[in-house]
Amino acid sequence: MAPAAPRSGDAIFASVERVNAELFTLTYGAIVRQLLTDLEEVEEVNKQLDQMGYNIGIRLIDEFLAKSNVSRCVDFKETAEVIAKVGFKMFLGVTASVTNWDADGTCCSIVLEDNPLVDFVELPDTCQGLYYCNILSGVIRGALEMVSMKTEVTWIRDVLRGDDAYELQVKLLKQVPEEYPYKDDE
C-alpha cells in the first residue's frame, strides 16, 4: 500500500469544522481589547499575544501533522512553504507566499494575501505600536519549536500600521537535534 499523499491546504480547510469567521474575528478583537485594558502598555500586549500564540502553536502542530499527512520536511525552505501553503490555509483559510530568502536559506518572509484576523479592525492613535496579529508570530514560533526548529518571528509589514501587506520574517536560529525519551541499551 502506497503512503498517503500530503493533503493540500484547500482540502484540509474544507474538511475541518469551523466556527463562524466573524465570531472568531470579533472574539480575537475582544481578547486584544481586554489585554490593552489590563496591561495598559502596548509592548506588554505584543509580548502577551506572542506568548499566547506560542502556547497555541506547540499544541496546534499535532493537529496539523495528523490532518495534513505532511511528513518531515527536508529543510527550512520546504518547512516555510508548507507553513504558507498548507498551514495558513488549514487554520485561517488564507494562502501566503514565501519570499526574500537570504543567501544561507535560513531567513525568509511569509506574506499573507489576506488576514481574517483584521476584519472590522482599525487601530486608534494610542495603539500605533501594537502588532495586532502578533499571536500569529507566536503560533509559528511554537509550532516550529516542536519540530526541532528554534526560530525568531517578527512582523516586517502590517496593513493596520499603514503598510501595503502583512509580512512576517521567519529566521531559523538553530536546528535542534531530536531527543528521544528512551535509550537504545535499556
N, C-alpha and C. Protein backbone atom coordinates (compact mmCIF):
# COMPACT_ATOMS: atom_id res chain seq x y z
N MET A 1 0.84 -1.17 0.00
CA MET A 1 0.00 0.00 0.00
C MET A 1 0.89 1.25 0.00
N ALA A 2 0.62 2.15 -0.89
CA ALA A 2 1.42 3.38 -1.01
C ALA A 2 1.10 4.30 0.16
N PRO A 3 2.10 5.08 0.63
CA PRO A 3 1.83 6.03 1.71
C PRO A 3 0.86 7.11 1.23
N ALA A 4 0.11 7.63 2.18
CA ALA A 4 -0.87 8.67 1.85
C ALA A 4 -0.14 9.91 1.36
N ALA A 5 -0.67 10.49 0.32
CA ALA A 5 -0.09 11.72 -0.23
C ALA A 5 -0.44 12.88 0.69
N PRO A 6 0.47 13.86 0.80
CA PRO A 6 0.14 15.04 1.60
C PRO A 6 -1.11 15.71 1.04
N ARG A 7 -1.93 16.18 1.93
CA ARG A 7 -3.16 16.84 1.51
C ARG A 7 -2.90 18.33 1.33
N SER A 8 -3.60 18.93 0.40
CA SER A 8 -3.44 20.36 0.18
C SER A 8 -4.14 21.13 1.28
N GLY A 9 -3.72 22.36 1.47
CA GLY A 9 -4.37 23.21 2.46
C GLY A 9 -5.85 23.39 2.17
N ASP A 10 -6.21 23.48 0.87
CA ASP A 10 -7.63 23.63 0.48
C ASP A 10 -8.44 22.43 0.92
N ALA A 11 -7.92 21.22 0.69
CA ALA A 11 -8.65 20.00 1.05
C ALA A 11 -8.84 19.91 2.55
N ILE A 12 -7.81 20.23 3.30
CA ILE A 12 -7.91 20.16 4.75
C ILE A 12 -8.88 21.21 5.26
N PHE A 13 -8.77 22.44 4.75
CA PHE A 13 -9.64 23.52 5.20
C PHE A 13 -11.10 23.17 4.96
N ALA A 14 -11.39 22.53 3.84
CA ALA A 14 -12.76 22.15 3.50
C ALA A 14 -13.31 21.11 4.46
N SER A 15 -12.43 20.27 5.03
CA SER A 15 -12.90 19.18 5.88
C SER A 15 -12.86 19.50 7.38
N VAL A 16 -12.27 20.61 7.76
CA VAL A 16 -12.15 20.96 9.17
C VAL A 16 -13.41 21.71 9.64
N GLU A 17 -13.89 21.33 10.82
CA GLU A 17 -15.02 22.06 11.38
C GLU A 17 -14.55 23.47 11.73
N ARG A 18 -15.39 24.44 11.43
CA ARG A 18 -15.01 25.83 11.67
C ARG A 18 -16.10 26.56 12.45
N VAL A 19 -15.66 27.53 13.22
CA VAL A 19 -16.60 28.45 13.82
C VAL A 19 -16.83 29.55 12.81
N ASN A 20 -17.88 30.28 12.97
CA ASN A 20 -18.16 31.39 12.09
C ASN A 20 -16.97 32.35 12.09
N ALA A 21 -16.50 32.73 10.92
CA ALA A 21 -15.31 33.59 10.80
C ALA A 21 -15.50 34.92 11.52
N GLU A 22 -16.69 35.50 11.42
CA GLU A 22 -16.93 36.78 12.10
C GLU A 22 -16.88 36.63 13.61
N LEU A 23 -17.42 35.53 14.13
CA LEU A 23 -17.37 35.28 15.56
C LEU A 23 -15.93 35.15 16.03
N PHE A 24 -15.12 34.42 15.28
CA PHE A 24 -13.71 34.25 15.61
C PHE A 24 -13.00 35.60 15.60
N THR A 25 -13.22 36.39 14.57
CA THR A 25 -12.57 37.69 14.44
C THR A 25 -12.96 38.62 15.59
N LEU A 26 -14.24 38.65 15.92
CA LEU A 26 -14.71 39.51 17.00
C LEU A 26 -14.21 39.03 18.36
N THR A 27 -14.15 37.73 18.56
CA THR A 27 -13.63 37.18 19.82
C THR A 27 -12.16 37.54 19.98
N TYR A 28 -11.38 37.39 18.91
CA TYR A 28 -9.96 37.76 18.97
C TYR A 28 -9.83 39.25 19.29
N GLY A 29 -10.65 40.07 18.65
CA GLY A 29 -10.62 41.51 18.91
C GLY A 29 -10.92 41.83 20.36
N ALA A 30 -11.88 41.11 20.95
CA ALA A 30 -12.22 41.32 22.36
C ALA A 30 -11.04 40.94 23.27
N ILE A 31 -10.32 39.88 22.90
CA ILE A 31 -9.15 39.47 23.68
C ILE A 31 -8.08 40.56 23.63
N VAL A 32 -7.81 41.07 22.44
CA VAL A 32 -6.80 42.12 22.30
C VAL A 32 -7.23 43.37 23.09
N ARG A 33 -8.48 43.73 22.99
CA ARG A 33 -9.00 44.90 23.71
C ARG A 33 -8.83 44.73 25.23
N GLN A 34 -9.15 43.52 25.72
CA GLN A 34 -9.02 43.27 27.16
C GLN A 34 -7.56 43.32 27.60
N LEU A 35 -6.68 42.79 26.78
CA LEU A 35 -5.24 42.87 27.10
C LEU A 35 -4.78 44.33 27.16
N LEU A 36 -5.26 45.15 26.23
CA LEU A 36 -4.90 46.58 26.25
C LEU A 36 -5.39 47.25 27.52
N THR A 37 -6.58 46.87 27.95
CA THR A 37 -7.15 47.44 29.18
C THR A 37 -6.37 46.96 30.40
N ASP A 38 -6.07 45.67 30.48
CA ASP A 38 -5.41 45.09 31.64
C ASP A 38 -3.94 45.47 31.74
N LEU A 39 -3.23 45.41 30.63
CA LEU A 39 -1.78 45.61 30.65
C LEU A 39 -1.37 47.06 30.42
N GLU A 40 -2.22 47.83 29.80
CA GLU A 40 -2.05 49.25 29.55
C GLU A 40 -0.90 49.62 28.61
N GLU A 41 0.18 48.87 28.59
CA GLU A 41 1.31 49.17 27.72
C GLU A 41 1.26 48.30 26.47
N VAL A 42 1.35 48.94 25.31
CA VAL A 42 1.24 48.24 24.03
C VAL A 42 2.33 47.18 23.89
N GLU A 43 3.54 47.47 24.32
CA GLU A 43 4.63 46.49 24.19
C GLU A 43 4.35 45.24 25.02
N GLU A 44 3.74 45.40 26.18
CA GLU A 44 3.38 44.24 27.00
C GLU A 44 2.29 43.42 26.32
N VAL A 45 1.36 44.10 25.65
CA VAL A 45 0.32 43.39 24.90
C VAL A 45 0.95 42.59 23.76
N ASN A 46 1.91 43.20 23.05
CA ASN A 46 2.62 42.48 21.98
C ASN A 46 3.27 41.21 22.52
N LYS A 47 3.92 41.30 23.69
CA LYS A 47 4.57 40.15 24.29
C LYS A 47 3.55 39.08 24.68
N GLN A 48 2.43 39.51 25.26
CA GLN A 48 1.40 38.58 25.69
C GLN A 48 0.76 37.86 24.51
N LEU A 49 0.49 38.59 23.42
CA LEU A 49 -0.09 37.97 22.22
C LEU A 49 0.88 36.94 21.64
N ASP A 50 2.17 37.29 21.61
CA ASP A 50 3.18 36.35 21.12
C ASP A 50 3.20 35.10 21.99
N GLN A 51 3.16 35.26 23.30
CA GLN A 51 3.20 34.11 24.22
C GLN A 51 1.94 33.25 24.07
N MET A 52 0.79 33.89 23.91
CA MET A 52 -0.45 33.14 23.68
C MET A 52 -0.33 32.32 22.39
N GLY A 53 0.18 32.95 21.35
CA GLY A 53 0.37 32.26 20.08
C GLY A 53 1.34 31.10 20.21
N TYR A 54 2.41 31.31 20.94
CA TYR A 54 3.40 30.25 21.17
C TYR A 54 2.73 29.04 21.82
N ASN A 55 1.94 29.29 22.86
CA ASN A 55 1.25 28.21 23.56
C ASN A 55 0.28 27.48 22.63
N ILE A 56 -0.36 28.20 21.74
CA ILE A 56 -1.26 27.58 20.76
C ILE A 56 -0.44 26.77 19.76
N GLY A 57 0.64 27.33 19.27
CA GLY A 57 1.48 26.68 18.27
C GLY A 57 2.05 25.34 18.72
N ILE A 58 2.46 25.26 19.99
CA ILE A 58 3.05 24.00 20.46
C ILE A 58 1.99 22.89 20.55
N ARG A 59 0.73 23.28 20.61
CA ARG A 59 -0.34 22.28 20.62
C ARG A 59 -0.92 22.06 19.22
N LEU A 60 -0.94 23.09 18.42
CA LEU A 60 -1.55 23.02 17.09
C LEU A 60 -0.76 22.15 16.12
N ILE A 61 0.54 22.02 16.35
CA ILE A 61 1.37 21.24 15.43
C ILE A 61 0.93 19.79 15.35
N ASP A 62 0.47 19.22 16.46
CA ASP A 62 0.00 17.83 16.44
C ASP A 62 -1.21 17.67 15.53
N GLU A 63 -2.16 18.60 15.63
CA GLU A 63 -3.34 18.54 14.76
C GLU A 63 -2.93 18.73 13.30
N PHE A 64 -2.02 19.66 13.07
CA PHE A 64 -1.55 19.91 11.71
C PHE A 64 -0.93 18.65 11.12
N LEU A 65 -0.02 18.02 11.85
CA LEU A 65 0.66 16.83 11.33
C LEU A 65 -0.32 15.67 11.13
N ALA A 66 -1.29 15.53 12.02
CA ALA A 66 -2.25 14.44 11.92
C ALA A 66 -3.19 14.61 10.73
N LYS A 67 -3.65 15.83 10.49
CA LYS A 67 -4.66 16.05 9.44
C LYS A 67 -4.08 16.34 8.07
N SER A 68 -2.83 16.79 8.01
CA SER A 68 -2.27 17.19 6.72
C SER A 68 -1.52 16.06 6.02
N ASN A 69 -1.15 15.01 6.75
CA ASN A 69 -0.32 13.93 6.20
C ASN A 69 1.01 14.43 5.67
N VAL A 70 1.48 15.57 6.16
CA VAL A 70 2.78 16.09 5.77
C VAL A 70 3.83 15.32 6.55
N SER A 71 4.80 14.79 5.85
CA SER A 71 5.90 14.10 6.53
C SER A 71 6.97 15.13 6.88
N ARG A 72 8.02 14.67 7.50
CA ARG A 72 9.09 15.58 7.90
C ARG A 72 9.63 16.34 6.69
N CYS A 73 9.72 17.64 6.84
CA CYS A 73 10.24 18.48 5.75
C CYS A 73 11.76 18.28 5.65
N VAL A 74 12.26 18.36 4.44
CA VAL A 74 13.68 18.13 4.18
C VAL A 74 14.53 19.26 4.78
N ASP A 75 14.09 20.50 4.63
CA ASP A 75 14.87 21.63 5.09
C ASP A 75 13.96 22.79 5.47
N PHE A 76 14.58 23.87 5.89
CA PHE A 76 13.83 25.04 6.35
C PHE A 76 13.02 25.66 5.21
N LYS A 77 13.55 25.63 3.98
CA LYS A 77 12.82 26.18 2.84
C LYS A 77 11.51 25.44 2.61
N GLU A 78 11.57 24.12 2.65
CA GLU A 78 10.35 23.33 2.47
C GLU A 78 9.38 23.58 3.62
N THR A 79 9.90 23.72 4.83
CA THR A 79 9.07 23.99 6.00
C THR A 79 8.31 25.30 5.83
N ALA A 80 9.00 26.34 5.39
CA ALA A 80 8.36 27.64 5.18
C ALA A 80 7.25 27.55 4.14
N GLU A 81 7.48 26.81 3.07
CA GLU A 81 6.46 26.63 2.03
C GLU A 81 5.24 25.90 2.58
N VAL A 82 5.46 24.89 3.41
CA VAL A 82 4.35 24.14 3.99
C VAL A 82 3.54 25.04 4.93
N ILE A 83 4.21 25.87 5.71
CA ILE A 83 3.51 26.81 6.59
C ILE A 83 2.63 27.73 5.75
N ALA A 84 3.20 28.31 4.70
CA ALA A 84 2.50 29.29 3.88
C ALA A 84 1.34 28.68 3.10
N LYS A 85 1.58 27.52 2.47
CA LYS A 85 0.59 26.95 1.56
C LYS A 85 -0.41 26.02 2.24
N VAL A 86 0.03 25.31 3.28
CA VAL A 86 -0.86 24.35 3.93
C VAL A 86 -1.34 24.86 5.29
N GLY A 87 -0.42 25.29 6.13
CA GLY A 87 -0.77 25.72 7.49
C GLY A 87 -1.73 26.89 7.54
N PHE A 88 -1.40 27.96 6.83
CA PHE A 88 -2.28 29.13 6.84
C PHE A 88 -3.64 28.81 6.23
N LYS A 89 -3.64 28.00 5.18
CA LYS A 89 -4.90 27.63 4.54
C LYS A 89 -5.73 26.75 5.47
N MET A 90 -5.08 25.81 6.13
CA MET A 90 -5.76 24.87 7.00
C MET A 90 -6.43 25.56 8.18
N PHE A 91 -5.75 26.49 8.81
CA PHE A 91 -6.26 27.09 10.04
C PHE A 91 -6.93 28.44 9.87
N LEU A 92 -6.55 29.22 8.85
CA LEU A 92 -7.15 30.54 8.66
C LEU A 92 -7.91 30.67 7.35
N GLY A 93 -7.76 29.70 6.47
CA GLY A 93 -8.46 29.76 5.19
C GLY A 93 -7.84 30.72 4.19
N VAL A 94 -6.59 31.11 4.43
CA VAL A 94 -5.89 32.03 3.53
C VAL A 94 -4.59 31.41 3.06
N THR A 95 -4.08 31.90 1.95
CA THR A 95 -2.79 31.43 1.49
C THR A 95 -1.76 32.54 1.69
N ALA A 96 -0.52 32.13 1.70
CA ALA A 96 0.57 33.08 1.87
C ALA A 96 1.67 32.69 0.89
N SER A 97 2.59 33.60 0.67
CA SER A 97 3.72 33.29 -0.21
C SER A 97 5.01 33.48 0.58
N VAL A 98 6.04 32.78 0.15
CA VAL A 98 7.34 32.84 0.80
C VAL A 98 8.29 33.58 -0.13
N THR A 99 8.91 34.63 0.37
CA THR A 99 9.81 35.46 -0.44
C THR A 99 11.03 35.88 0.39
N ASN A 100 11.89 36.67 -0.24
CA ASN A 100 13.02 37.33 0.42
C ASN A 100 13.95 36.38 1.17
N TRP A 101 14.30 35.27 0.55
CA TRP A 101 15.24 34.34 1.17
C TRP A 101 16.62 34.97 1.27
N ASP A 102 17.31 34.72 2.37
CA ASP A 102 18.70 35.14 2.46
C ASP A 102 19.58 34.09 1.78
N ALA A 103 20.86 34.39 1.60
CA ALA A 103 21.77 33.50 0.87
C ALA A 103 21.95 32.15 1.55
N ASP A 104 21.83 32.12 2.88
CA ASP A 104 22.01 30.88 3.63
C ASP A 104 20.77 30.00 3.65
N GLY A 105 19.64 30.54 3.24
CA GLY A 105 18.40 29.78 3.30
C GLY A 105 17.87 29.61 4.71
N THR A 106 18.21 30.57 5.58
CA THR A 106 17.77 30.48 6.98
C THR A 106 16.85 31.62 7.39
N CYS A 107 16.52 32.50 6.46
CA CYS A 107 15.65 33.63 6.78
C CYS A 107 14.79 33.94 5.56
N CYS A 108 13.49 34.12 5.79
CA CYS A 108 12.58 34.42 4.70
C CYS A 108 11.43 35.27 5.21
N SER A 109 10.61 35.72 4.28
CA SER A 109 9.40 36.43 4.62
C SER A 109 8.20 35.60 4.19
N ILE A 110 7.18 35.59 5.03
CA ILE A 110 5.90 34.99 4.69
C ILE A 110 4.92 36.15 4.56
N VAL A 111 4.38 36.31 3.35
CA VAL A 111 3.47 37.42 3.06
C VAL A 111 2.06 36.87 2.93
N LEU A 112 1.17 37.37 3.76
CA LEU A 112 -0.23 36.95 3.73
C LEU A 112 -0.98 37.76 2.70
N GLU A 113 -1.72 37.07 1.85
CA GLU A 113 -2.52 37.74 0.84
C GLU A 113 -3.78 38.35 1.45
N ASP A 114 -4.26 37.74 2.52
CA ASP A 114 -5.45 38.21 3.22
C ASP A 114 -5.24 37.87 4.69
N ASN A 115 -5.90 38.58 5.58
CA ASN A 115 -5.75 38.32 7.00
C ASN A 115 -7.11 38.45 7.69
N PRO A 116 -7.78 37.34 7.94
CA PRO A 116 -9.12 37.40 8.52
C PRO A 116 -9.14 37.94 9.95
N LEU A 117 -8.01 37.97 10.64
CA LEU A 117 -7.99 38.50 12.00
C LEU A 117 -8.26 40.00 12.05
N VAL A 118 -8.06 40.69 10.94
CA VAL A 118 -8.17 42.15 10.98
C VAL A 118 -9.47 42.69 10.39
N ASP A 119 -10.40 41.80 10.05
CA ASP A 119 -11.70 42.29 9.59
C ASP A 119 -12.30 43.13 10.71
N PHE A 120 -12.86 44.26 10.39
CA PHE A 120 -13.52 45.18 11.34
C PHE A 120 -12.54 45.89 12.27
N VAL A 121 -11.23 45.89 11.97
CA VAL A 121 -10.25 46.46 12.90
C VAL A 121 -9.68 47.76 12.34
N GLU A 122 -9.59 48.73 13.22
CA GLU A 122 -8.92 49.98 12.94
C GLU A 122 -8.21 50.38 14.22
N LEU A 123 -6.90 50.58 14.14
CA LEU A 123 -6.15 50.91 15.35
C LEU A 123 -6.25 52.39 15.67
N PRO A 124 -6.59 52.71 16.91
CA PRO A 124 -6.58 54.12 17.31
C PRO A 124 -5.15 54.63 17.45
N ASP A 125 -4.97 55.93 17.48
CA ASP A 125 -3.64 56.52 17.59
C ASP A 125 -2.89 56.04 18.83
N THR A 126 -3.59 55.74 19.90
CA THR A 126 -2.95 55.29 21.14
C THR A 126 -2.35 53.89 21.02
N CYS A 127 -2.66 53.17 19.94
CA CYS A 127 -2.19 51.79 19.78
C CYS A 127 -1.26 51.62 18.59
N GLN A 128 -0.60 52.68 18.17
CA GLN A 128 0.21 52.60 16.95
C GLN A 128 1.39 51.63 17.06
N GLY A 129 1.86 51.32 18.24
CA GLY A 129 2.96 50.36 18.39
C GLY A 129 2.48 48.92 18.49
N LEU A 130 1.18 48.72 18.43
CA LEU A 130 0.61 47.39 18.60
C LEU A 130 0.77 46.55 17.34
N TYR A 131 1.25 45.32 17.52
CA TYR A 131 1.23 44.33 16.45
C TYR A 131 0.00 43.47 16.72
N TYR A 132 -1.11 43.90 16.17
CA TYR A 132 -2.42 43.32 16.46
C TYR A 132 -2.44 41.82 16.23
N CYS A 133 -1.79 41.34 15.22
CA CYS A 133 -1.78 39.91 14.87
C CYS A 133 -0.55 39.19 15.40
N ASN A 134 0.04 39.69 16.47
CA ASN A 134 1.26 39.10 17.00
C ASN A 134 1.07 37.66 17.45
N ILE A 135 -0.17 37.26 17.64
CA ILE A 135 -0.45 35.88 18.00
C ILE A 135 0.05 34.93 16.91
N LEU A 136 0.00 35.38 15.64
CA LEU A 136 0.44 34.53 14.53
C LEU A 136 1.94 34.27 14.59
N SER A 137 2.73 35.27 14.98
CA SER A 137 4.17 35.05 15.08
C SER A 137 4.46 34.03 16.17
N GLY A 138 3.72 34.09 17.26
CA GLY A 138 3.90 33.12 18.33
C GLY A 138 3.50 31.72 17.92
N VAL A 139 2.41 31.60 17.16
CA VAL A 139 1.97 30.28 16.68
C VAL A 139 3.05 29.64 15.83
N ILE A 140 3.61 30.39 14.90
CA ILE A 140 4.67 29.86 14.03
C ILE A 140 5.88 29.45 14.86
N ARG A 141 6.29 30.29 15.76
CA ARG A 141 7.47 30.02 16.59
C ARG A 141 7.25 28.76 17.44
N GLY A 142 6.08 28.65 18.07
CA GLY A 142 5.78 27.49 18.90
C GLY A 142 5.71 26.20 18.11
N ALA A 143 5.03 26.24 16.96
CA ALA A 143 4.89 25.04 16.14
C ALA A 143 6.25 24.57 15.62
N LEU A 144 7.08 25.51 15.17
CA LEU A 144 8.40 25.13 14.65
C LEU A 144 9.31 24.60 15.75
N GLU A 145 9.16 25.13 16.95
CA GLU A 145 9.98 24.62 18.05
C GLU A 145 9.65 23.15 18.32
N MET A 146 8.40 22.76 18.14
CA MET A 146 8.00 21.37 18.37
C MET A 146 8.53 20.42 17.30
N VAL A 147 8.95 20.95 16.16
CA VAL A 147 9.58 20.12 15.13
C VAL A 147 11.08 20.44 15.03
N SER A 148 11.65 20.82 16.16
CA SER A 148 13.10 20.97 16.34
C SER A 148 13.71 22.16 15.62
N MET A 149 12.94 23.22 15.40
CA MET A 149 13.50 24.43 14.78
C MET A 149 13.28 25.63 15.70
N LYS A 150 14.37 26.15 16.21
CA LYS A 150 14.30 27.36 17.04
C LYS A 150 14.32 28.55 16.09
N THR A 151 13.28 29.38 16.17
CA THR A 151 13.15 30.49 15.23
C THR A 151 12.87 31.81 15.95
N GLU A 152 13.04 32.86 15.18
CA GLU A 152 12.64 34.20 15.60
C GLU A 152 11.66 34.68 14.53
N VAL A 153 10.47 35.11 14.97
CA VAL A 153 9.43 35.51 14.02
C VAL A 153 9.01 36.94 14.35
N THR A 154 9.16 37.84 13.39
CA THR A 154 8.84 39.25 13.63
C THR A 154 8.02 39.82 12.48
N TRP A 155 7.22 40.81 12.79
CA TRP A 155 6.42 41.50 11.77
C TRP A 155 7.30 42.52 11.07
N ILE A 156 7.28 42.50 9.74
CA ILE A 156 8.01 43.46 8.92
C ILE A 156 7.05 44.51 8.38
N ARG A 157 5.89 44.05 7.88
CA ARG A 157 4.88 44.98 7.36
C ARG A 157 3.52 44.58 7.91
N ASP A 158 2.67 45.58 8.13
CA ASP A 158 1.33 45.36 8.67
C ASP A 158 0.41 46.44 8.11
N VAL A 159 -0.64 46.02 7.43
CA VAL A 159 -1.58 46.96 6.81
C VAL A 159 -2.21 47.87 7.87
N LEU A 160 -2.44 47.34 9.07
CA LEU A 160 -3.02 48.16 10.14
C LEU A 160 -2.10 49.30 10.56
N ARG A 161 -0.83 49.18 10.23
CA ARG A 161 0.15 50.22 10.56
C ARG A 161 0.52 51.05 9.34
N GLY A 162 -0.28 50.91 8.28
CA GLY A 162 -0.08 51.74 7.09
C GLY A 162 0.73 51.10 5.98
N ASP A 163 1.15 49.86 6.14
CA ASP A 163 1.92 49.19 5.09
C ASP A 163 0.98 48.62 4.03
N ASP A 164 1.56 48.08 2.96
CA ASP A 164 0.75 47.57 1.85
C ASP A 164 0.50 46.07 1.92
N ALA A 165 1.02 45.38 2.95
CA ALA A 165 0.84 43.93 3.06
C ALA A 165 1.09 43.50 4.51
N TYR A 166 0.77 42.22 4.77
CA TYR A 166 1.09 41.60 6.06
C TYR A 166 2.28 40.70 5.81
N GLU A 167 3.43 41.02 6.40
CA GLU A 167 4.65 40.27 6.15
C GLU A 167 5.34 39.92 7.46
N LEU A 168 5.57 38.62 7.63
CA LEU A 168 6.30 38.10 8.78
C LEU A 168 7.68 37.64 8.33
N GLN A 169 8.70 37.98 9.09
CA GLN A 169 10.03 37.46 8.81
C GLN A 169 10.26 36.28 9.75
N VAL A 170 10.65 35.15 9.17
CA VAL A 170 10.92 33.94 9.94
C VAL A 170 12.40 33.62 9.77
N LYS A 171 13.10 33.62 10.89
CA LYS A 171 14.55 33.39 10.87
C LYS A 171 14.86 32.13 11.68
N LEU A 172 15.51 31.16 11.03
CA LEU A 172 15.93 29.94 11.71
C LEU A 172 17.18 30.25 12.52
N LEU A 173 17.08 30.12 13.83
CA LEU A 173 18.23 30.37 14.70
C LEU A 173 19.09 29.13 14.85
N LYS A 174 18.43 27.98 15.05
CA LYS A 174 19.18 26.72 15.07
C LYS A 174 18.23 25.55 14.92
N GLN A 175 18.78 24.50 14.34
CA GLN A 175 18.06 23.24 14.18
C GLN A 175 18.45 22.41 15.40
N VAL A 176 17.47 22.09 16.22
CA VAL A 176 17.74 21.35 17.45
C VAL A 176 17.64 19.86 17.14
N PRO A 177 18.67 19.08 17.47
CA PRO A 177 18.56 17.64 17.23
C PRO A 177 17.45 17.03 18.08
N GLU A 178 16.74 16.08 17.50
CA GLU A 178 15.65 15.45 18.24
C GLU A 178 16.21 14.62 19.38
N GLU A 179 15.53 14.69 20.52
CA GLU A 179 15.91 13.90 21.67
C GLU A 179 14.84 12.85 21.88
N TYR A 180 15.28 11.63 22.06
CA TYR A 180 14.33 10.55 22.27
C TYR A 180 14.22 10.28 23.77
N PRO A 181 13.04 9.95 24.25
CA PRO A 181 12.85 9.76 25.70
C PRO A 181 13.33 8.39 26.19
N TYR A 182 14.01 7.67 25.35
CA TYR A 182 14.48 6.35 25.76
C TYR A 182 15.92 6.15 25.30
N LYS A 183 16.55 5.16 25.85
CA LYS A 183 17.92 4.81 25.46
C LYS A 183 17.87 3.45 24.79
N ASP A 184 18.67 3.29 23.76
CA ASP A 184 18.67 2.04 22.99
C ASP A 184 19.14 0.84 23.82
N ASP A 185 20.02 1.06 24.78
CA ASP A 185 20.60 -0.07 25.51
C ASP A 185 19.75 -0.53 26.69
N GLU A 186 18.59 0.05 26.89
CA GLU A 186 17.75 -0.38 28.02
C GLU A 186 16.73 -1.39 27.60
